[in-house]
Amino acid sequence: MPATSELRDSFRDNSFNTVLWVDNSTSDGSLAEQNNRLELNNGTGSGFGAAISTVSHVFLNSYIFCRMVPAAGVEMDFFLVAADATPINFAIGANGVDTRFTRFNGGTTVIASVTYNSTNHRWFRMRSLGGRVWADIAPDGVDVHHPGNWVALGNEAIDVNPSYDPTTVKPSVNNFYNGVNNIIIHITNFNVVLSQQGRMFDIGIL
């Protein structure tokens, strides 16, 4: 069962689209769509800048990806947030030190982690295939608007916890405080893509 709808936002028109996104930043964090990208600022306290999809998607045989540029000292992730009372969240992201695939469910479990590489870790993807969630990373391709070859980082069963409902997933992007204030991360080309028979995980770019 593919996603019920697609979400595609290049963040290049310098106007935050409230039809697609909700500003989910804390009071001391912020976001702005400017400079042809979404900029998330973690502010002066211990909060974060964040945006979350306005609608839920069915994360079965579908994939979600974007381009993110991290800063040292700041955790940068995009999440699959299950829309229920006790959600389990899968996240892939980086902090300028390592790149990791993580599950949050009453605690933090790092499923896979590698040393961050500023050339090879520019694009981040999560996909659903065969009852598992896969996390992939890629460098830029022909330009900053297209990913290069994807490399699998790790995978885990999508039903690792019965509370996780992959039929009501809201993608989100976050910039967490990790000891350094007023750090901005950059996000472009966010995509939720339907699976299509014969081209399951081809890349669709705006």
Foldseek 3Di string as FASTA:
>chain_A
DWKPDKDKFFLQVFDDDPQFKDWPWDPQWEWGSDPRWIKTFQHDDFTKTKIKTPFFIQQALWKKKWFKQADAQKWKWKWWWAPDDQEKIWIWTDRQFKTFIWIDGVDIDTFFMDGDDRAAAGMWMWHHDPQKIWIWGFGCDPDSQHTDDIDTGGMDGQPPDVVGRSRGIMMMIMIGGRPDGGDMMTIGTIMIGIADPPCSDDDDTD
